[in-house]
Amino acid sequence: MVDQVRPAALADWLQQHTAGGPLPVVLDVREPVELRVAAVTPQGFELVHIPMNQLPARLGELDPARPVACLCHHGTRSQRVAQFLEAQGFADVVNIAGGIDLWSHERDPAVPRY
């Protein structure tokens, strides 16, 4: 089962996963048009954008040994992606609950809501 991390708690999750290991990845699975409306700034993580429907073909761009936090608009698509990654052998995957919408509310109000 995929764990959920609220945007307000992401800093703690990132800190737990950076000590002595590879930099965690925030995997944004939204569509390019959504990125033009609202995007996050990487702080303590690498930001990777792979739209959900492209992920199976681009799975090789991700390292299963790195911690991955999945992000979408409200958390539904990213939950499905996190489950897919777990099924593909990714050991440390979480879903960012509430997506970029909650990110704007809890973590960075400069990120536009849509």
N, C-alpha and C. Protein backbone atom coordinates (compact mmCIF):
# COMPACT_ATOMS: atom_id res chain seq x y z
N MET A 1 0.84 -1.18 0.00
CA MET A 1 0.00 0.00 0.00
C MET A 1 0.89 1.25 0.00
N VAL A 2 0.53 2.21 -0.79
CA VAL A 2 1.31 3.43 -0.96
C VAL A 2 1.03 4.39 0.19
N ASP A 3 2.10 4.88 0.82
CA ASP A 3 1.94 5.88 1.88
C ASP A 3 1.59 7.23 1.28
N GLN A 4 0.91 8.04 2.09
CA GLN A 4 0.51 9.38 1.70
C GLN A 4 1.35 10.38 2.51
N VAL A 5 1.81 11.43 1.84
CA VAL A 5 2.54 12.50 2.51
C VAL A 5 1.88 13.81 2.11
N ARG A 6 1.42 14.55 3.09
CA ARG A 6 0.85 15.87 2.81
C ARG A 6 1.97 16.83 2.44
N PRO A 7 1.70 17.82 1.61
CA PRO A 7 2.74 18.79 1.25
C PRO A 7 3.40 19.43 2.46
N ALA A 8 2.65 19.68 3.52
CA ALA A 8 3.22 20.29 4.72
C ALA A 8 4.23 19.38 5.39
N ALA A 9 4.13 18.08 5.18
CA ALA A 9 5.05 17.11 5.79
C ALA A 9 6.13 16.64 4.83
N LEU A 10 6.13 17.16 3.61
CA LEU A 10 7.10 16.70 2.62
C LEU A 10 8.53 17.00 3.03
N ALA A 11 8.78 18.14 3.65
CA ALA A 11 10.14 18.48 4.08
C ALA A 11 10.69 17.41 5.03
N ASP A 12 9.87 16.92 5.94
CA ASP A 12 10.31 15.86 6.86
C ASP A 12 10.62 14.58 6.09
N TRP A 13 9.75 14.22 5.15
CA TRP A 13 9.97 13.02 4.34
C TRP A 13 11.27 13.16 3.54
N LEU A 14 11.48 14.32 2.94
CA LEU A 14 12.70 14.55 2.17
C LEU A 14 13.94 14.43 3.05
N GLN A 15 13.88 15.01 4.24
CA GLN A 15 15.02 14.97 5.15
C GLN A 15 15.35 13.54 5.54
N GLN A 16 14.34 12.72 5.78
CA GLN A 16 14.57 11.32 6.13
C GLN A 16 15.22 10.55 5.00
N HIS A 17 15.00 11.00 3.77
CA HIS A 17 15.47 10.25 2.61
C HIS A 17 16.70 10.83 1.94
N THR A 18 17.26 11.90 2.49
CA THR A 18 18.46 12.46 1.88
C THR A 18 19.72 12.12 2.67
N ALA A 19 19.57 11.72 3.90
CA ALA A 19 20.75 11.42 4.73
C ALA A 19 21.51 10.23 4.17
N GLY A 20 22.63 10.52 3.52
CA GLY A 20 23.50 9.46 3.04
C GLY A 20 23.02 8.73 1.80
N GLY A 21 21.92 9.14 1.24
CA GLY A 21 21.39 8.45 0.07
C GLY A 21 21.23 9.37 -1.11
N PRO A 22 20.70 8.85 -2.20
CA PRO A 22 20.50 9.69 -3.38
C PRO A 22 19.39 10.71 -3.14
N LEU A 23 19.47 11.82 -3.86
CA LEU A 23 18.47 12.88 -3.76
C LEU A 23 17.11 12.33 -4.17
N PRO A 24 16.06 12.55 -3.34
CA PRO A 24 14.73 12.08 -3.70
C PRO A 24 14.21 12.78 -4.95
N VAL A 25 13.26 12.15 -5.59
CA VAL A 25 12.62 12.66 -6.80
C VAL A 25 11.17 12.99 -6.49
N VAL A 26 10.73 14.19 -6.91
CA VAL A 26 9.30 14.47 -6.96
C VAL A 26 8.92 14.28 -8.41
N LEU A 27 8.07 13.30 -8.66
CA LEU A 27 7.63 12.96 -10.00
C LEU A 27 6.29 13.62 -10.27
N ASP A 28 6.31 14.64 -11.11
CA ASP A 28 5.09 15.37 -11.47
C ASP A 28 4.49 14.69 -12.69
N VAL A 29 3.31 14.11 -12.52
CA VAL A 29 2.70 13.32 -13.59
C VAL A 29 1.59 14.09 -14.32
N ARG A 30 1.53 15.40 -14.09
CA ARG A 30 0.51 16.21 -14.76
C ARG A 30 0.88 16.45 -16.23
N GLU A 31 -0.10 16.92 -16.98
CA GLU A 31 0.08 17.21 -18.40
C GLU A 31 0.83 18.54 -18.57
N PRO A 32 1.52 18.73 -19.71
CA PRO A 32 2.26 19.97 -19.93
C PRO A 32 1.43 21.23 -19.77
N VAL A 33 0.18 21.22 -20.19
CA VAL A 33 -0.67 22.40 -20.03
C VAL A 33 -0.86 22.75 -18.55
N GLU A 34 -0.91 21.74 -17.70
CA GLU A 34 -1.05 21.98 -16.26
C GLU A 34 0.22 22.60 -15.70
N LEU A 35 1.37 22.18 -16.21
CA LEU A 35 2.64 22.74 -15.74
C LEU A 35 2.76 24.22 -16.07
N ARG A 36 2.18 24.61 -17.20
CA ARG A 36 2.23 26.02 -17.58
C ARG A 36 1.39 26.87 -16.64
N VAL A 37 0.38 26.28 -16.02
CA VAL A 37 -0.49 27.01 -15.08
C VAL A 37 0.15 27.09 -13.70
N ALA A 38 0.70 25.98 -13.24
CA ALA A 38 1.25 25.92 -11.88
C ALA A 38 2.39 24.90 -11.84
N ALA A 39 3.51 25.32 -11.27
CA ALA A 39 4.66 24.43 -11.15
C ALA A 39 5.31 24.63 -9.79
N VAL A 40 6.01 23.60 -9.35
CA VAL A 40 6.73 23.68 -8.08
C VAL A 40 8.19 23.97 -8.34
N THR A 41 8.85 24.52 -7.35
CA THR A 41 10.28 24.80 -7.41
C THR A 41 11.01 23.74 -6.61
N PRO A 42 11.97 23.05 -7.22
CA PRO A 42 12.70 22.01 -6.48
C PRO A 42 13.50 22.60 -5.32
N GLN A 43 13.28 22.06 -4.14
CA GLN A 43 14.03 22.43 -2.95
C GLN A 43 14.25 21.16 -2.14
N GLY A 44 15.46 20.63 -2.24
CA GLY A 44 15.78 19.40 -1.52
C GLY A 44 15.37 18.14 -2.26
N PHE A 45 15.01 18.29 -3.52
CA PHE A 45 14.62 17.15 -4.34
C PHE A 45 14.87 17.48 -5.81
N GLU A 46 14.93 16.43 -6.61
CA GLU A 46 14.98 16.61 -8.06
C GLU A 46 13.55 16.53 -8.57
N LEU A 47 13.16 17.46 -9.41
CA LEU A 47 11.83 17.47 -10.01
C LEU A 47 11.91 16.84 -11.39
N VAL A 48 11.09 15.81 -11.60
CA VAL A 48 11.03 15.12 -12.89
C VAL A 48 9.58 15.18 -13.36
N HIS A 49 9.40 15.56 -14.62
CA HIS A 49 8.05 15.61 -15.18
C HIS A 49 7.90 14.53 -16.24
N ILE A 50 7.00 13.60 -15.97
CA ILE A 50 6.62 12.57 -16.94
C ILE A 50 5.10 12.44 -16.83
N PRO A 51 4.36 12.90 -17.85
CA PRO A 51 2.91 12.75 -17.78
C PRO A 51 2.50 11.29 -17.56
N MET A 52 1.44 11.09 -16.82
CA MET A 52 1.00 9.76 -16.42
C MET A 52 0.90 8.80 -17.61
N ASN A 53 0.33 9.25 -18.71
CA ASN A 53 0.13 8.33 -19.84
C ASN A 53 1.44 7.98 -20.55
N GLN A 54 2.52 8.71 -20.30
CA GLN A 54 3.81 8.41 -20.91
C GLN A 54 4.72 7.56 -20.03
N LEU A 55 4.32 7.37 -18.78
CA LEU A 55 5.20 6.72 -17.82
C LEU A 55 5.62 5.30 -18.22
N PRO A 56 4.71 4.44 -18.67
CA PRO A 56 5.18 3.08 -19.02
C PRO A 56 6.31 3.09 -20.05
N ALA A 57 6.23 3.96 -21.04
CA ALA A 57 7.26 4.02 -22.08
C ALA A 57 8.53 4.69 -21.59
N ARG A 58 8.43 5.52 -20.56
CA ARG A 58 9.59 6.29 -20.08
C ARG A 58 10.09 5.82 -18.71
N LEU A 59 9.64 4.67 -18.27
CA LEU A 59 9.98 4.17 -16.95
C LEU A 59 11.49 4.10 -16.73
N GLY A 60 12.24 3.83 -17.77
CA GLY A 60 13.69 3.72 -17.67
C GLY A 60 14.38 5.02 -17.29
N GLU A 61 13.66 6.14 -17.34
CA GLU A 61 14.23 7.43 -16.94
C GLU A 61 14.29 7.58 -15.41
N LEU A 62 13.64 6.67 -14.71
CA LEU A 62 13.61 6.72 -13.24
C LEU A 62 14.47 5.60 -12.66
N ASP A 63 15.09 5.88 -11.53
CA ASP A 63 15.93 4.91 -10.83
C ASP A 63 15.12 4.30 -9.69
N PRO A 64 14.85 2.99 -9.75
CA PRO A 64 14.05 2.35 -8.70
C PRO A 64 14.68 2.40 -7.31
N ALA A 65 15.97 2.74 -7.24
CA ALA A 65 16.66 2.81 -5.95
C ALA A 65 16.47 4.17 -5.27
N ARG A 66 15.97 5.16 -6.01
CA ARG A 66 15.78 6.50 -5.44
C ARG A 66 14.37 6.64 -4.87
N PRO A 67 14.24 7.35 -3.76
CA PRO A 67 12.91 7.64 -3.22
C PRO A 67 12.13 8.52 -4.20
N VAL A 68 10.84 8.21 -4.38
CA VAL A 68 10.00 8.95 -5.32
C VAL A 68 8.71 9.38 -4.62
N ALA A 69 8.40 10.67 -4.74
CA ALA A 69 7.12 11.21 -4.27
C ALA A 69 6.36 11.67 -5.50
N CYS A 70 5.18 11.12 -5.72
CA CYS A 70 4.40 11.39 -6.92
C CYS A 70 3.42 12.54 -6.69
N LEU A 71 3.30 13.41 -7.70
CA LEU A 71 2.49 14.63 -7.60
C LEU A 71 1.61 14.78 -8.83
N CYS A 72 0.36 15.18 -8.61
CA CYS A 72 -0.55 15.55 -9.70
C CYS A 72 -1.38 16.74 -9.23
N HIS A 73 -2.57 16.91 -9.77
CA HIS A 73 -3.40 18.06 -9.40
C HIS A 73 -4.02 17.90 -8.01
N HIS A 74 -4.72 16.79 -7.80
CA HIS A 74 -5.39 16.57 -6.51
C HIS A 74 -4.94 15.30 -5.79
N GLY A 75 -4.12 14.48 -6.41
CA GLY A 75 -3.60 13.29 -5.75
C GLY A 75 -4.13 11.97 -6.26
N THR A 76 -5.07 12.00 -7.21
CA THR A 76 -5.65 10.75 -7.71
C THR A 76 -4.75 10.09 -8.75
N ARG A 77 -4.33 10.84 -9.75
CA ARG A 77 -3.44 10.27 -10.77
C ARG A 77 -2.13 9.84 -10.15
N SER A 78 -1.59 10.68 -9.27
CA SER A 78 -0.30 10.35 -8.65
C SER A 78 -0.40 9.10 -7.78
N GLN A 79 -1.55 8.87 -7.17
CA GLN A 79 -1.76 7.65 -6.39
C GLN A 79 -1.66 6.42 -7.31
N ARG A 80 -2.29 6.51 -8.47
CA ARG A 80 -2.24 5.40 -9.42
C ARG A 80 -0.81 5.17 -9.92
N VAL A 81 -0.09 6.26 -10.17
CA VAL A 81 1.30 6.15 -10.62
C VAL A 81 2.16 5.53 -9.52
N ALA A 82 1.96 5.96 -8.28
CA ALA A 82 2.73 5.39 -7.16
C ALA A 82 2.49 3.89 -7.05
N GLN A 83 1.25 3.46 -7.21
CA GLN A 83 0.94 2.03 -7.17
C GLN A 83 1.63 1.29 -8.32
N PHE A 84 1.62 1.91 -9.50
CA PHE A 84 2.29 1.33 -10.66
C PHE A 84 3.80 1.19 -10.39
N LEU A 85 4.41 2.24 -9.84
CA LEU A 85 5.85 2.19 -9.55
C LEU A 85 6.17 1.09 -8.55
N GLU A 86 5.36 0.97 -7.51
CA GLU A 86 5.57 -0.12 -6.54
C GLU A 86 5.52 -1.48 -7.23
N ALA A 87 4.54 -1.65 -8.11
CA ALA A 87 4.40 -2.92 -8.82
C ALA A 87 5.60 -3.19 -9.74
N GLN A 88 6.31 -2.14 -10.14
CA GLN A 88 7.48 -2.27 -11.00
C GLN A 88 8.77 -2.44 -10.19
N GLY A 89 8.65 -2.51 -8.87
CA GLY A 89 9.82 -2.78 -8.04
C GLY A 89 10.45 -1.56 -7.38
N PHE A 90 9.82 -0.40 -7.48
CA PHE A 90 10.33 0.79 -6.80
C PHE A 90 10.06 0.59 -5.31
N ALA A 91 11.11 0.68 -4.51
CA ALA A 91 11.01 0.33 -3.09
C ALA A 91 10.48 1.44 -2.20
N ASP A 92 10.72 2.68 -2.56
CA ASP A 92 10.38 3.79 -1.67
C ASP A 92 9.57 4.84 -2.44
N VAL A 93 8.26 4.65 -2.44
CA VAL A 93 7.35 5.51 -3.20
C VAL A 93 6.24 6.00 -2.28
N VAL A 94 5.94 7.30 -2.39
CA VAL A 94 4.81 7.88 -1.67
C VAL A 94 3.99 8.72 -2.65
N ASN A 95 2.76 8.99 -2.25
CA ASN A 95 1.89 9.89 -2.99
C ASN A 95 1.78 11.20 -2.21
N ILE A 96 1.89 12.32 -2.92
CA ILE A 96 1.69 13.61 -2.28
C ILE A 96 0.20 13.88 -2.23
N ALA A 97 -0.38 13.67 -1.06
CA ALA A 97 -1.83 13.79 -0.86
C ALA A 97 -2.29 15.21 -1.18
N GLY A 98 -3.38 15.30 -1.90
CA GLY A 98 -3.95 16.60 -2.22
C GLY A 98 -3.32 17.29 -3.41
N GLY A 99 -2.22 16.72 -3.91
CA GLY A 99 -1.58 17.23 -5.11
C GLY A 99 -1.10 18.66 -5.02
N ILE A 100 -0.93 19.27 -6.18
CA ILE A 100 -0.41 20.63 -6.24
C ILE A 100 -1.42 21.62 -5.67
N ASP A 101 -2.69 21.24 -5.66
CA ASP A 101 -3.71 22.12 -5.07
C ASP A 101 -3.43 22.30 -3.58
N LEU A 102 -3.22 21.20 -2.87
CA LEU A 102 -2.91 21.29 -1.44
C LEU A 102 -1.49 21.83 -1.23
N TRP A 103 -0.59 21.56 -2.17
CA TRP A 103 0.77 22.12 -2.12
C TRP A 103 0.68 23.64 -2.02
N SER A 104 -0.16 24.24 -2.86
CA SER A 104 -0.33 25.69 -2.86
C SER A 104 -0.86 26.18 -1.51
N HIS A 105 -1.74 25.42 -0.92
CA HIS A 105 -2.35 25.82 0.35
C HIS A 105 -1.39 25.62 1.53
N GLU A 106 -0.68 24.48 1.56
CA GLU A 106 0.13 24.13 2.73
C GLU A 106 1.62 24.47 2.62
N ARG A 107 2.16 24.47 1.42
CA ARG A 107 3.61 24.56 1.29
C ARG A 107 4.09 25.83 0.60
N ASP A 108 3.41 26.25 -0.45
CA ASP A 108 3.87 27.42 -1.22
C ASP A 108 2.69 28.15 -1.83
N PRO A 109 2.18 29.18 -1.14
CA PRO A 109 1.01 29.90 -1.66
C PRO A 109 1.28 30.66 -2.95
N ALA A 110 2.55 30.78 -3.37
CA ALA A 110 2.87 31.42 -4.64
C ALA A 110 2.50 30.54 -5.84
N VAL A 111 2.30 29.25 -5.59
CA VAL A 111 1.89 28.34 -6.67
C VAL A 111 0.40 28.56 -6.93
N PRO A 112 0.06 28.94 -8.17
CA PRO A 112 -1.36 29.20 -8.47
C PRO A 112 -2.22 27.96 -8.32
N ARG A 113 -3.45 28.17 -7.91
CA ARG A 113 -4.42 27.09 -7.83
C ARG A 113 -5.28 27.13 -9.08
N TYR A 114 -5.67 25.97 -9.57
CA TYR A 114 -6.51 25.90 -10.76
C TYR A 114 -7.52 24.80 -10.63
